Amino acid sequence: MNVLAESLDTRPRLLFFHSPTSGRCRRVEGFLSQVLQRRRNHDTFRLQRVPVDGRPELVERFRIEQLPTLCVVEGRQVVARIESPKGCSDLELALLPWLK
């Protein structure tokens, strides 16, 4: 996606803070895929995976203390935060305002 198209994209961003070596993070990524696929919500968010080892400035800026953590960002504001969801139902409940 080019810079102009990205600036016109008004979908909320879903930031997925994770560690690539964490089994828990990989499980939650699977839960997220199920939730988004269930009602064809893959285009609802601009999903951005943020590896905590590679982006320490974002970890500090978003005050990430647990992994995995998901943040829904609309405009420049965090409107939802999901820390260490236990399963699909936790994610679906937290993301319900945006899901179809």
PDB file of N, CA and C in Angstrom:
ATOM      1  N   MET A   1       0.862  -1.178   0.000  1.00  0.00           N
ATOM      2  CA  MET A   1       0.000   0.000   0.000  1.00  0.00           C
ATOM      3  C   MET A   1       0.902   1.231   0.000  1.00  0.00           C
ATOM      4  N   ASN A   2       0.618   2.178  -0.862  1.00  0.00           N
ATOM      5  CA  ASN A   2       1.461   3.371  -0.909  1.00  0.00           C
ATOM      6  C   ASN A   2       1.076   4.351   0.200  1.00  0.00           C
ATOM      7  N   VAL A   3       1.887   5.364   0.391  1.00  0.00           N
ATOM      8  CA  VAL A   3       1.711   6.310   1.491  1.00  0.00           C
ATOM      9  C   VAL A   3       0.373   7.045   1.395  1.00  0.00           C
ATOM     10  N   LEU A   4      -0.009   7.470   0.194  1.00  0.00           N
ATOM     11  CA  LEU A   4      -1.277   8.182   0.025  1.00  0.00           C
ATOM     12  C   LEU A   4      -2.462   7.284   0.366  1.00  0.00           C
ATOM     13  N   ALA A   5      -2.454   6.063  -0.141  1.00  0.00           N
ATOM     14  CA  ALA A   5      -3.550   5.135   0.136  1.00  0.00           C
ATOM     15  C   ALA A   5      -3.617   4.825   1.625  1.00  0.00           C
ATOM     16  N   GLU A   6      -2.454   4.699   2.268  1.00  0.00           N
ATOM     17  CA  GLU A   6      -2.421   4.412   3.695  1.00  0.00           C
ATOM     18  C   GLU A   6      -2.993   5.577   4.501  1.00  0.00           C
ATOM     19  N   SER A   7      -2.725   6.805   4.084  1.00  0.00           N
ATOM     20  CA  SER A   7      -3.239   7.964   4.817  1.00  0.00           C
ATOM     21  C   SER A   7      -4.748   8.108   4.643  1.00  0.00           C
ATOM     22  N   LEU A   8      -5.297   7.573   3.556  1.00  0.00           N
ATOM     23  CA  LEU A   8      -6.739   7.634   3.324  1.00  0.00           C
ATOM     24  C   LEU A   8      -7.486   6.460   3.960  1.00  0.00           C
ATOM     25  N   ASP A   9      -6.747   5.473   4.454  1.00  0.00           N
ATOM     26  CA  ASP A   9      -7.340   4.291   5.070  1.00  0.00           C
ATOM     27  C   ASP A   9      -7.853   4.660   6.463  1.00  0.00           C
ATOM     28  N   THR A  10      -9.163   4.654   6.625  1.00  0.00           N
ATOM     29  CA  THR A  10      -9.757   5.096   7.893  1.00  0.00           C
ATOM     30  C   THR A  10     -10.081   3.942   8.836  1.00  0.00           C
ATOM     31  N   ARG A  11      -9.729   2.726   8.439  1.00  0.00           N
ATOM     32  CA  ARG A  11      -9.990   1.584   9.319  1.00  0.00           C
ATOM     33  C   ARG A  11      -9.162   1.714  10.598  1.00  0.00           C
ATOM     34  N   PRO A  12      -9.706   1.231  11.713  1.00  0.00           N
ATOM     35  CA  PRO A  12      -8.903   1.240  12.936  1.00  0.00           C
ATOM     36  C   PRO A  12      -7.706   0.301  12.781  1.00  0.00           C
ATOM     37  N   ARG A  13      -6.622   0.649  13.438  1.00  0.00           N
ATOM     38  CA  ARG A  13      -5.449  -0.215  13.448  1.00  0.00           C
ATOM     39  C   ARG A  13      -5.565  -1.174  14.622  1.00  0.00           C
ATOM     40  N   LEU A  14      -5.184  -2.397  14.401  1.00  0.00           N
ATOM     41  CA  LEU A  14      -5.118  -3.394  15.459  1.00  0.00           C
ATOM     42  C   LEU A  14      -3.652  -3.754  15.617  1.00  0.00           C
ATOM     43  N   LEU A  15      -3.041  -3.270  16.691  1.00  0.00           N
ATOM     44  CA  LEU A  15      -1.631  -3.532  16.953  1.00  0.00           C
ATOM     45  C   LEU A  15      -1.521  -4.794  17.792  1.00  0.00           C
ATOM     46  N   PHE A  16      -0.750  -5.748  17.313  1.00  0.00           N
ATOM     47  CA  PHE A  16      -0.565  -7.023  17.999  1.00  0.00           C
ATOM     48  C   PHE A  16       0.871  -7.087  18.490  1.00  0.00           C
ATOM     49  N   PHE A  17       1.072  -6.766  19.767  1.00  0.00           N
ATOM     50  CA  PHE A  17       2.407  -6.796  20.378  1.00  0.00           C
ATOM     51  C   PHE A  17       2.696  -8.236  20.787  1.00  0.00           C
ATOM     52  N   HIS A  18       3.805  -8.787  20.282  1.00  0.00           N
ATOM     53  CA  HIS A  18       4.094 -10.198  20.524  1.00  0.00           C
ATOM     54  C   HIS A  18       5.591 -10.456  20.529  1.00  0.00           C
ATOM     55  N   SER A  19       5.922 -11.662  20.927  1.00  0.00           N
ATOM     56  CA  SER A  19       7.285 -12.161  20.813  1.00  0.00           C
ATOM     57  C   SER A  19       7.235 -13.359  19.873  1.00  0.00           C
ATOM     58  N   PRO A  20       8.050 -13.369  18.834  1.00  0.00           N
ATOM     59  CA  PRO A  20       8.009 -14.478  17.877  1.00  0.00           C
ATOM     60  C   PRO A  20       8.401 -15.825  18.492  1.00  0.00           C
ATOM     61  N   THR A  21       9.050 -15.811  19.649  1.00  0.00           N
ATOM     62  CA  THR A  21       9.478 -17.058  20.274  1.00  0.00           C
ATOM     63  C   THR A  21       8.506 -17.557  21.340  1.00  0.00           C
ATOM     64  N   SER A  22       7.418 -16.841  21.565  1.00  0.00           N
ATOM     65  CA  SER A  22       6.460 -17.206  22.608  1.00  0.00           C
ATOM     66  C   SER A  22       5.338 -18.084  22.049  1.00  0.00           C
ATOM     67  N   GLY A  23       5.175 -19.243  22.640  1.00  0.00           N
ATOM     68  CA  GLY A  23       4.080 -20.121  22.245  1.00  0.00           C
ATOM     69  C   GLY A  23       2.732 -19.498  22.550  1.00  0.00           C
ATOM     70  N   ARG A  24       2.629 -18.800  23.661  1.00  0.00           N
ATOM     71  CA  ARG A  24       1.373 -18.120  24.043  1.00  0.00           C
ATOM     72  C   ARG A  24       0.985 -17.091  22.974  1.00  0.00           C
ATOM     73  N   CYS A  25       1.951 -16.333  22.501  1.00  0.00           N
ATOM     74  CA  CYS A  25       1.680 -15.327  21.458  1.00  0.00           C
ATOM     75  C   CYS A  25       1.211 -15.984  20.171  1.00  0.00           C
ATOM     76  N   ARG A  26       1.828 -17.107  19.809  1.00  0.00           N
ATOM     77  CA  ARG A  26       1.411 -17.810  18.590  1.00  0.00           C
ATOM     78  C   ARG A  26      -0.005 -18.354  18.727  1.00  0.00           C
ATOM     79  N   ARG A  27      -0.357 -18.849  19.927  1.00  0.00           N
ATOM     80  CA  ARG A  27      -1.722 -19.339  20.165  1.00  0.00           C
ATOM     81  C   ARG A  27      -2.735 -18.206  20.020  1.00  0.00           C
ATOM     82  N   VAL A  28      -2.422 -17.052  20.616  1.00  0.00           N
ATOM     83  CA  VAL A  28      -3.343 -15.914  20.546  1.00  0.00           C
ATOM     84  C   VAL A  28      -3.463 -15.421  19.112  1.00  0.00           C
ATOM     85  N   GLU A  29      -2.392 -15.494  18.342  1.00  0.00           N
ATOM     86  CA  GLU A  29      -2.478 -15.116  16.929  1.00  0.00           C
ATOM     87  C   GLU A  29      -3.454 -16.042  16.195  1.00  0.00           C
ATOM     88  N   GLY A  30      -3.453 -17.310  16.561  1.00  0.00           N
ATOM     89  CA  GLY A  30      -4.413 -18.256  15.991  1.00  0.00           C
ATOM     90  C   GLY A  30      -5.841 -17.917  16.401  1.00  0.00           C
ATOM     91  N   PHE A  31      -6.029 -17.552  17.683  1.00  0.00           N
ATOM     92  CA  PHE A  31      -7.361 -17.139  18.155  1.00  0.00           C
ATOM     93  C   PHE A  31      -7.847 -15.928  17.365  1.00  0.00           C
ATOM     94  N   LEU A  32      -6.948 -14.964  17.170  1.00  0.00           N
ATOM     95  CA  LEU A  32      -7.303 -13.750  16.442  1.00  0.00           C
ATOM     96  C   LEU A  32      -7.722 -14.081  15.008  1.00  0.00           C
ATOM     97  N   SER A  33      -6.983 -14.966  14.362  1.00  0.00           N
ATOM     98  CA  SER A  33      -7.333 -15.365  12.995  1.00  0.00           C
ATOM     99  C   SER A  33      -8.725 -15.983  12.956  1.00  0.00           C
ATOM    100  N   GLN A  34      -9.045 -16.825  13.944  1.00  0.00           N
ATOM    101  CA  GLN A  34     -10.375 -17.448  13.992  1.00  0.00           C
ATOM    102  C   GLN A  34     -11.471 -16.406  14.160  1.00  0.00           C
ATOM    103  N   VAL A  35     -11.249 -15.463  15.067  1.00  0.00           N
ATOM    104  CA  VAL A  35     -12.262 -14.429  15.331  1.00  0.00           C
ATOM    105  C   VAL A  35     -12.491 -13.580  14.081  1.00  0.00           C
ATOM    106  N   LEU A  36     -11.428 -13.180  13.409  1.00  0.00           N
ATOM    107  CA  LEU A  36     -11.561 -12.344  12.221  1.00  0.00           C
ATOM    108  C   LEU A  36     -12.153 -13.119  11.044  1.00  0.00           C
ATOM    109  N   GLN A  37     -11.858 -14.398  10.968  1.00  0.00           N
ATOM    110  CA  GLN A  37     -12.359 -15.214   9.866  1.00  0.00           C
ATOM    111  C   GLN A  37     -13.828 -15.584  10.064  1.00  0.00           C
ATOM    112  N   ARG A  38     -14.252 -15.720  11.310  1.00  0.00           N
ATOM    113  CA  ARG A  38     -15.592 -16.215  11.617  1.00  0.00           C
ATOM    114  C   ARG A  38     -16.687 -15.476  10.857  1.00  0.00           C
ATOM    115  N   ARG A  39     -16.630 -14.167  10.843  1.00  0.00           N
ATOM    116  CA  ARG A  39     -17.658 -13.389  10.131  1.00  0.00           C
ATOM    117  C   ARG A  39     -17.054 -12.524   9.029  1.00  0.00           C
ATOM    118  N   ARG A  40     -15.952 -13.008   8.493  1.00  0.00           N
ATOM    119  CA  ARG A  40     -15.248 -12.306   7.403  1.00  0.00           C
ATOM    120  C   ARG A  40     -14.879 -10.870   7.792  1.00  0.00           C
ATOM    121  N   ASN A  41     -14.161 -10.754   8.893  1.00  0.00           N
ATOM    122  CA  ASN A  41     -13.747  -9.447   9.400  1.00  0.00           C
ATOM    123  C   ASN A  41     -12.285  -9.123   9.112  1.00  0.00           C
ATOM    124  N   HIS A  42     -11.678  -9.823   8.167  1.00  0.00           N
ATOM    125  CA  HIS A  42     -10.259  -9.581   7.889  1.00  0.00           C
ATOM    126  C   HIS A  42      -9.983  -8.155   7.433  1.00  0.00           C
ATOM    127  N   ASP A  43     -10.946  -7.508   6.805  1.00  0.00           N
ATOM    128  CA  ASP A  43     -10.734  -6.142   6.322  1.00  0.00           C
ATOM    129  C   ASP A  43     -11.213  -5.081   7.305  1.00  0.00           C
ATOM    130  N   THR A  44     -11.667  -5.485   8.471  1.00  0.00           N
ATOM    131  CA  THR A  44     -12.176  -4.542   9.466  1.00  0.00           C
ATOM    132  C   THR A  44     -11.061  -3.678  10.045  1.00  0.00           C
ATOM    133  N   PHE A  45      -9.900  -4.281  10.235  1.00  0.00           N
ATOM    134  CA  PHE A  45      -8.758  -3.598  10.855  1.00  0.00           C
ATOM    135  C   PHE A  45      -7.569  -3.575   9.908  1.00  0.00           C
ATOM    136  N   ARG A  46      -6.666  -2.631  10.158  1.00  0.00           N
ATOM    137  CA  ARG A  46      -5.324  -2.692   9.581  1.00  0.00           C
ATOM    138  C   ARG A  46      -4.475  -3.377  10.636  1.00  0.00           C
ATOM    139  N   LEU A  47      -4.275  -4.667  10.497  1.00  0.00           N
ATOM    140  CA  LEU A  47      -3.531  -5.446  11.479  1.00  0.00           C
ATOM    141  C   LEU A  47      -2.039  -5.191  11.317  1.00  0.00           C
ATOM    142  N   GLN A  48      -1.402  -4.825  12.419  1.00  0.00           N
ATOM    143  CA  GLN A  48       0.041  -4.612  12.416  1.00  0.00           C
ATOM    144  C   GLN A  48       0.645  -5.431  13.546  1.00  0.00           C
ATOM    145  N   ARG A  49       1.486  -6.391  13.164  1.00  0.00           N
ATOM    146  CA  ARG A  49       2.182  -7.213  14.157  1.00  0.00           C
ATOM    147  C   ARG A  49       3.436  -6.468  14.596  1.00  0.00           C
ATOM    148  N   VAL A  50       3.587  -6.328  15.903  1.00  0.00           N
ATOM    149  CA  VAL A  50       4.719  -5.567  16.445  1.00  0.00           C
ATOM    150  C   VAL A  50       5.570  -6.504  17.313  1.00  0.00           C
ATOM    151  N   PRO A  51       6.712  -6.963  16.786  1.00  0.00           N
ATOM    152  CA  PRO A  51       7.599  -7.788  17.605  1.00  0.00           C
ATOM    153  C   PRO A  51       8.280  -6.910  18.659  1.00  0.00           C
ATOM    154  N   VAL A  52       8.096  -7.258  19.923  1.00  0.00           N
ATOM    155  CA  VAL A  52       8.575  -6.375  21.001  1.00  0.00           C
ATOM    156  C   VAL A  52      10.088  -6.223  21.003  1.00  0.00           C
ATOM    157  N   ASP A  53      10.813  -7.233  20.569  1.00  0.00           N
ATOM    158  CA  ASP A  53      12.275  -7.126  20.526  1.00  0.00           C
ATOM    159  C   ASP A  53      12.736  -6.131  19.471  1.00  0.00           C
ATOM    160  N   GLY A  54      11.966  -5.998  18.396  1.00  0.00           N
ATOM    161  CA  GLY A  54      12.368  -5.119  17.305  1.00  0.00           C
ATOM    162  C   GLY A  54      11.862  -3.701  17.424  1.00  0.00           C
ATOM    163  N   ARG A  55      10.888  -3.453  18.295  1.00  0.00           N
ATOM    164  CA  ARG A  55      10.287  -2.111  18.406  1.00  0.00           C
ATOM    165  C   ARG A  55      10.145  -1.676  19.870  1.00  0.00           C
ATOM    166  N   PRO A  56      11.260  -1.575  20.601  1.00  0.00           N
ATOM    167  CA  PRO A  56      11.174  -1.210  22.027  1.00  0.00           C
ATOM    168  C   PRO A  56      10.559   0.173  22.267  1.00  0.00           C
ATOM    169  N   GLU A  57      10.697   1.092  21.283  1.00  0.00           N
ATOM    170  CA  GLU A  57      10.115   2.426  21.450  1.00  0.00           C
ATOM    171  C   GLU A  57       8.589   2.355  21.463  1.00  0.00           C
ATOM    172  N   LEU A  58       8.006   1.450  20.663  1.00  0.00           N
ATOM    173  CA  LEU A  58       6.548   1.285  20.667  1.00  0.00           C
ATOM    174  C   LEU A  58       6.070   0.584  21.933  1.00  0.00           C
ATOM    175  N   VAL A  59       6.859  -0.367  22.420  1.00  0.00           N
ATOM    176  CA  VAL A  59       6.522  -1.047  23.673  1.00  0.00           C
ATOM    177  C   VAL A  59       6.439  -0.033  24.807  1.00  0.00           C
ATOM    178  N   GLU A  60       7.395   0.886  24.837  1.00  0.00           N
ATOM    179  CA  GLU A  60       7.393   1.923  25.869  1.00  0.00           C
ATOM    180  C   GLU A  60       6.238   2.908  25.660  1.00  0.00           C
ATOM    181  N   ARG A  61       6.046   3.334  24.429  1.00  0.00           N
ATOM    182  CA  ARG A  61       5.002   4.324  24.128  1.00  0.00           C
ATOM    183  C   ARG A  61       3.600   3.805  24.461  1.00  0.00           C
ATOM    184  N   PHE A  62       3.349   2.524  24.184  1.00  0.00           N
ATOM    185  CA  PHE A  62       2.035   1.939  24.452  1.00  0.00           C
ATOM    186  C   PHE A  62       1.966   1.262  25.822  1.00  0.00           C
ATOM    187  N   ARG A  63       3.054   1.359  26.595  1.00  0.00           N
ATOM    188  CA  ARG A  63       3.118   0.814  27.957  1.00  0.00           C
ATOM    189  C   ARG A  63       2.747  -0.669  28.011  1.00  0.00           C
ATOM    190  N   ILE A  64       3.403  -1.440  27.177  1.00  0.00           N
ATOM    191  CA  ILE A  64       3.143  -2.873  27.108  1.00  0.00           C
ATOM    192  C   ILE A  64       3.875  -3.567  28.250  1.00  0.00           C
ATOM    193  N   GLU A  65       3.121  -4.264  29.090  1.00  0.00           N
ATOM    194  CA  GLU A  65       3.704  -4.974  30.226  1.00  0.00           C
ATOM    195  C   GLU A  65       3.514  -6.481  30.129  1.00  0.00           C
ATOM    196  N   GLN A  66       2.497  -6.932  29.378  1.00  0.00           N
ATOM    197  CA  GLN A  66       2.216  -8.352  29.219  1.00  0.00           C
ATOM    198  C   GLN A  66       2.213  -8.694  27.738  1.00  0.00           C
ATOM    199  N   LEU A  67       2.579  -9.929  27.444  1.00  0.00           N
ATOM    200  CA  LEU A  67       2.504 -10.411  26.066  1.00  0.00           C
ATOM    201  C   LEU A  67       1.583 -11.611  26.022  1.00  0.00           C
ATOM    202  N   PRO A  68       0.813 -11.713  24.988  1.00  0.00           N
ATOM    203  CA  PRO A  68       0.594 -10.713  23.951  1.00  0.00           C
ATOM    204  C   PRO A  68      -0.388  -9.643  24.417  1.00  0.00           C
ATOM    205  N   THR A  69      -0.296  -8.481  23.818  1.00  0.00           N
ATOM    206  CA  THR A  69      -1.248  -7.393  24.053  1.00  0.00           C
ATOM    207  C   THR A  69      -1.703  -6.880  22.693  1.00  0.00           C
ATOM    208  N   LEU A  70      -3.006  -6.641  22.580  1.00  0.00           N
ATOM    209  CA  LEU A  70      -3.573  -6.067  21.357  1.00  0.00           C
ATOM    210  C   LEU A  70      -4.167  -4.724  21.699  1.00  0.00           C
ATOM    211  N   CYS A  71      -3.941  -3.738  20.834  1.00  0.00           N
ATOM    212  CA  CYS A  71      -4.489  -2.396  21.019  1.00  0.00           C
ATOM    213  C   CYS A  71      -5.240  -1.997  19.755  1.00  0.00           C
ATOM    214  N   VAL A  72      -6.462  -1.515  19.942  1.00  0.00           N
ATOM    215  CA  VAL A  72      -7.223  -0.959  18.822  1.00  0.00           C
ATOM    216  C   VAL A  72      -6.990   0.547  18.852  1.00  0.00           C
ATOM    217  N   VAL A  73      -6.511   1.087  17.738  1.00  0.00           N
ATOM    218  CA  VAL A  73      -6.194   2.507  17.639  1.00  0.00           C
ATOM    219  C   VAL A  73      -7.073   3.131  16.564  1.00  0.00           C
ATOM    220  N   GLU A  74      -7.838   4.142  16.970  1.00  0.00           N
ATOM    221  CA  GLU A  74      -8.645   4.911  16.023  1.00  0.00           C
ATOM    222  C   GLU A  74      -8.112   6.330  16.041  1.00  0.00           C
ATOM    223  N   GLY A  75      -7.772   6.839  14.855  1.00  0.00           N
ATOM    224  CA  GLY A  75      -7.118   8.137  14.803  1.00  0.00           C
ATOM    225  C   GLY A  75      -5.760   7.996  15.478  1.00  0.00           C
ATOM    226  N   ARG A  76      -5.564   8.730  16.525  1.00  0.00           N
ATOM    227  CA  ARG A  76      -4.303   8.648  17.280  1.00  0.00           C
ATOM    228  C   ARG A  76      -4.551   8.217  18.720  1.00  0.00           C
ATOM    229  N   GLN A  77      -5.701   7.577  18.954  1.00  0.00           N
ATOM    230  CA  GLN A  77      -6.089   7.236  20.321  1.00  0.00           C
ATOM    231  C   GLN A  77      -6.320   5.729  20.465  1.00  0.00           C
ATOM    232  N   VAL A  78      -5.807   5.152  21.549  1.00  0.00           N
ATOM    233  CA  VAL A  78      -6.071   3.750  21.876  1.00  0.00           C
ATOM    234  C   VAL A  78      -7.478   3.682  22.461  1.00  0.00           C
ATOM    235  N   VAL A  79      -8.363   2.956  21.777  1.00  0.00           N
ATOM    236  CA  VAL A  79      -9.756   2.868  22.220  1.00  0.00           C
ATOM    237  C   VAL A  79     -10.081   1.524  22.856  1.00  0.00           C
ATOM    238  N   ALA A  80      -9.192   0.547  22.713  1.00  0.00           N
ATOM    239  CA  ALA A  80      -9.372  -0.747  23.367  1.00  0.00           C
ATOM    240  C   ALA A  80      -8.007  -1.390  23.558  1.00  0.00           C
ATOM    241  N   ARG A  81      -7.893  -2.128  24.642  1.00  0.00           N
ATOM    242  CA  ARG A  81      -6.641  -2.798  24.977  1.00  0.00           C
ATOM    243  C   ARG A  81      -6.996  -4.186  25.493  1.00  0.00           C
ATOM    244  N   ILE A  82      -6.368  -5.201  24.934  1.00  0.00           N
ATOM    245  CA  ILE A  82      -6.638  -6.585  25.321  1.00  0.00           C
ATOM    246  C   ILE A  82      -5.307  -7.207  25.728  1.00  0.00           C
ATOM    247  N   GLU A  83      -5.175  -7.532  27.001  1.00  0.00           N
ATOM    248  CA  GLU A  83      -3.924  -8.095  27.502  1.00  0.00           C
ATOM    249  C   GLU A  83      -4.098  -9.584  27.775  1.00  0.00           C
ATOM    250  N   SER A  84      -3.226 -10.391  27.203  1.00  0.00           N
ATOM    251  CA  SER A  84      -3.209 -11.842  27.382  1.00  0.00           C
ATOM    252  C   SER A  84      -4.587 -12.484  27.332  1.00  0.00           C
ATOM    253  N   PRO A  85      -5.278 -12.370  26.188  1.00  0.00           N
ATOM    254  CA  PRO A  85      -6.594 -13.004  26.093  1.00  0.00           C
ATOM    255  C   PRO A  85      -6.481 -14.514  26.269  1.00  0.00           C
ATOM    256  N   LYS A  86      -7.486 -15.103  26.896  1.00  0.00           N
ATOM    257  CA  LYS A  86      -7.462 -16.542  27.201  1.00  0.00           C
ATOM    258  C   LYS A  86      -7.933 -17.404  26.034  1.00  0.00           C
ATOM    259  N   GLY A  87      -8.684 -16.799  25.112  1.00  0.00           N
ATOM    260  CA  GLY A  87      -9.190 -17.577  23.991  1.00  0.00           C
ATOM    261  C   GLY A  87      -9.979 -16.708  23.034  1.00  0.00           C
ATOM    262  N   CYS A  88     -10.650 -17.364  22.097  1.00  0.00           N
ATOM    263  CA  CYS A  88     -11.431 -16.660  21.077  1.00  0.00           C
ATOM    264  C   CYS A  88     -12.526 -15.805  21.695  1.00  0.00           C
ATOM    265  N   SER A  89     -13.176 -16.324  22.736  1.00  0.00           N
ATOM    266  CA  SER A  89     -14.297 -15.580  23.321  1.00  0.00           C
ATOM    267  C   SER A  89     -13.843 -14.258  23.935  1.00  0.00           C
ATOM    268  N   ASP A  90     -12.668 -14.228  24.569  1.00  0.00           N
ATOM    269  CA  ASP A  90     -12.129 -12.972  25.121  1.00  0.00           C
ATOM    270  C   ASP A  90     -11.892 -11.954  24.010  1.00  0.00           C
ATOM    271  N   LEU A  91     -11.282 -12.416  22.925  1.00  0.00           N
ATOM    272  CA  LEU A  91     -10.997 -11.517  21.804  1.00  0.00           C
ATOM    273  C   LEU A  91     -12.277 -11.035  21.146  1.00  0.00           C
ATOM    274  N   GLU A  92     -13.201 -11.950  20.916  1.00  0.00           N
ATOM    275  CA  GLU A  92     -14.446 -11.583  20.250  1.00  0.00           C
ATOM    276  C   GLU A  92     -15.234 -10.569  21.077  1.00  0.00           C
ATOM    277  N   LEU A  93     -15.283 -10.763  22.373  1.00  0.00           N
ATOM    278  CA  LEU A  93     -15.996  -9.837  23.254  1.00  0.00           C
ATOM    279  C   LEU A  93     -15.353  -8.445  23.219  1.00  0.00           C
ATOM    280  N   ALA A  94     -14.031  -8.390  23.266  1.00  0.00           N
ATOM    281  CA  ALA A  94     -13.333  -7.108  23.277  1.00  0.00           C
ATOM    282  C   ALA A  94     -13.434  -6.386  21.934  1.00  0.00           C
ATOM    283  N   LEU A  95     -13.485  -7.143  20.846  1.00  0.00           N
ATOM    284  CA  LEU A  95     -13.520  -6.542  19.507  1.00  0.00           C
ATOM    285  C   LEU A  95     -14.940  -6.396  18.960  1.00  0.00           C
ATOM    286  N   LEU A  96     -15.929  -6.811  19.730  1.00  0.00           N
ATOM    287  CA  LEU A  96     -17.319  -6.815  19.284  1.00  0.00           C
ATOM    288  C   LEU A  96     -17.807  -5.488  18.676  1.00  0.00           C
ATOM    289  N   PRO A  97     -17.441  -4.319  19.233  1.00  0.00           N
ATOM    290  CA  PRO A  97     -17.914  -3.069  18.630  1.00  0.00           C
ATOM    291  C   PRO A  97     -17.494  -2.876  17.168  1.00  0.00           C
ATOM    292  N   TRP A  98     -16.451  -3.570  16.716  1.00  0.00           N
ATOM    293  CA  TRP A  98     -15.942  -3.393  15.358  1.00  0.00           C
ATOM    294  C   TRP A  98     -16.303  -4.558  14.436  1.00  0.00           C
ATOM    295  N   LEU A  99     -16.730  -5.666  14.989  1.00  0.00           N
ATOM    296  CA  LEU A  99     -16.998  -6.854  14.182  1.00  0.00           C
ATOM    297  C   LEU A  99     -18.359  -6.781  13.513  1.00  0.00           C
ATOM    298  N   LYS A 100     -18.469  -7.429  12.354  1.00  0.00           N
ATOM    299  CA  LYS A 100     -19.740  -7.480  11.618  1.00  0.00           C
ATOM    300  C   LYS A 100     -20.675  -8.479  12.252  1.00  0.00           C
TER     301      LYS A 100
END
